[in-house]
Protein backbone atom coordinates (compact mmCIF):
# COMPACT_ATOMS: atom_id res chain seq x y z
CA MET A 1 0.00 -0.05 0.03
CA THR A 2 1.37 3.38 -0.91
CA LEU A 3 1.74 6.28 1.56
CA ARG A 4 -0.98 8.24 -0.47
CA THR A 5 -3.30 5.39 -0.17
CA ILE A 6 -2.77 4.96 3.52
CA ARG A 7 -3.26 8.80 3.91
CA LEU A 8 -6.53 8.60 2.02
CA VAL A 9 -7.95 5.56 3.94
CA HIS A 10 -6.70 7.20 7.34
CA THR A 11 -8.48 10.53 6.40
CA ALA A 12 -11.74 8.73 5.34
CA ILE A 13 -11.69 6.85 8.78
CA TRP A 14 -10.91 10.01 10.75
CA ALA A 15 -13.82 11.77 8.94
CA PHE A 16 -16.20 8.88 9.84
CA PHE A 17 -15.25 9.07 13.60
CA ALA A 18 -15.20 12.87 13.49
CA GLY A 19 -18.63 12.79 11.96
CA CYS A 20 -19.91 10.32 14.71
CA ILE A 21 -18.56 12.51 17.40
CA LEU A 22 -20.27 15.65 16.02
CA ALA A 23 -23.52 13.86 15.52
CA ILE A 24 -23.75 12.52 19.17
CA PRO A 25 -25.16 15.79 20.66
CA LEU A 26 -27.29 16.49 17.55
CA PHE A 27 -29.03 13.16 17.88
CA ALA A 28 -29.33 13.65 21.38
CA GLN A 29 -30.96 17.13 20.96
CA ARG A 30 -33.52 15.48 18.63
CA GLY A 31 -34.47 12.94 21.26
CA GLU A 32 -32.99 10.15 19.22
CA LEU A 33 -30.88 8.82 22.16
CA THR A 34 -30.59 5.22 21.01
CA ILE A 35 -28.82 6.49 17.91
CA ALA A 36 -26.61 8.89 20.01
CA ALA A 37 -25.73 6.18 22.16
CA ALA A 38 -24.89 3.82 19.27
CA LEU A 39 -22.55 6.51 17.79
CA ALA A 40 -20.98 6.76 21.30
CA ALA A 41 -20.23 3.16 21.47
CA VAL A 42 -18.85 3.02 17.98
CA VAL A 43 -16.44 5.80 18.87
CA GLY A 44 -15.83 4.02 22.21
CA ILE A 45 -14.50 0.97 20.17
CA GLU A 46 -12.14 3.28 18.35
CA VAL A 47 -10.91 4.72 21.71
CA LEU A 48 -10.28 1.23 22.91
CA VAL A 49 -8.18 0.50 19.68
CA LEU A 50 -6.27 3.66 20.27
CA ALA A 51 -5.74 2.82 24.02
CA PHE A 52 -4.41 -0.67 23.20
CA ASN A 53 -2.22 0.81 20.58
CA GLY A 54 -0.32 3.43 22.82
CA MET A 55 -2.76 6.19 21.91
CA ARG A 56 -1.78 5.92 18.14
CA CYS A 57 -3.80 4.98 15.22
CA PRO A 58 -2.59 1.57 13.87
CA LEU A 59 -2.44 3.20 10.44
CA THR A 60 0.29 5.64 11.65
CA ASP A 61 2.54 2.51 12.12
CA VAL A 62 1.65 1.29 8.77
CA ALA A 63 2.41 4.73 7.23
CA ALA A 64 5.73 5.00 9.11
CA HIS A 65 7.12 1.94 7.18
CA GLN A 66 6.50 4.06 3.97
CA THR A 67 8.48 7.17 4.84
CA ASP A 68 10.93 8.70 7.30
CA GLU A 69 8.86 11.77 7.53
CA ARG A 70 7.33 12.25 11.08
CA GLN A 71 5.36 15.52 10.71
CA ASP A 72 2.23 15.42 12.72
CA ASN A 73 0.34 14.95 9.54
CA PHE A 74 2.51 12.59 7.62
CA ASP A 75 0.02 9.85 7.67
CA ILE A 76 -3.35 11.72 7.18
CA PHE A 77 -4.61 14.53 4.98
CA LEU A 78 -5.28 17.02 7.67
CA PRO A 79 -3.70 20.46 8.41
CA VAL A 80 -0.80 20.16 10.73
CA TRP A 81 -2.58 21.97 13.59
CA LEU A 82 -5.54 19.75 13.53
CA ALA A 83 -3.50 16.55 13.27
CA ARG A 84 -1.37 17.86 16.20
CA ASN A 85 -4.48 18.62 18.26
CA ASN A 86 -6.77 16.08 17.13
CA LYS A 87 -7.17 13.89 20.23
CA ALA A 88 -7.59 17.00 22.48
CA ILE A 89 -10.32 18.60 20.21
CA PHE A 90 -12.24 15.56 19.47
CA GLY A 91 -11.71 13.95 22.68
CA THR A 92 -13.17 17.07 24.44
CA LEU A 93 -16.11 17.06 21.92
CA TYR A 94 -16.71 13.30 22.43
CA VAL A 95 -16.83 13.60 26.36
CA ALA A 96 -19.01 16.80 26.11
CA GLY A 97 -21.47 15.04 23.64
CA ILE A 98 -21.72 11.99 25.90
CA LEU A 99 -22.39 14.21 28.89
CA TYR A 100 -25.01 16.05 26.91
CA MET A 101 -26.66 12.82 25.69
CA VAL A 102 -26.67 11.48 29.39
CA ALA A 103 -28.19 14.64 30.63
CA LYS A 104 -31.11 14.43 27.86
CA TRP A 105 -31.50 10.83 28.85
CA ILE A 106 -32.08 11.69 32.50
CA ALA A 107 -34.25 14.68 31.72
C-alpha cells in the first residue's frame, strides 16, 4: 500500500469518527438517544483500539514504514495544527457529547 493510499484511508476513517462525534449531541438534541448512544459506542470502540495501541492509530505505524517523515500529519490529509491537536479537540467534543446525551436521557 502506498503512503498516499494509507493517507486517504486514514483520512476517510478519521472523517467517519469525527462525524460520529459531532452527531452525538445532534441526535441527543432531537431525542434520538438510541442513535446517539450507538454512535458513542462506535467511537468508544475506536478509543479502545487507540488505547491498546499506545494512543496511536494503527495506520500511523503502517504509514511509518513508507516514509521517514514524522510531521504530525505525515500519515493523514489534515492540516498540521488539526493533526497535532486532534485527540484534544475531538476527545473533548466526545466527552461533552456523551455528557449532553446522558443529561438528555435523564431529563
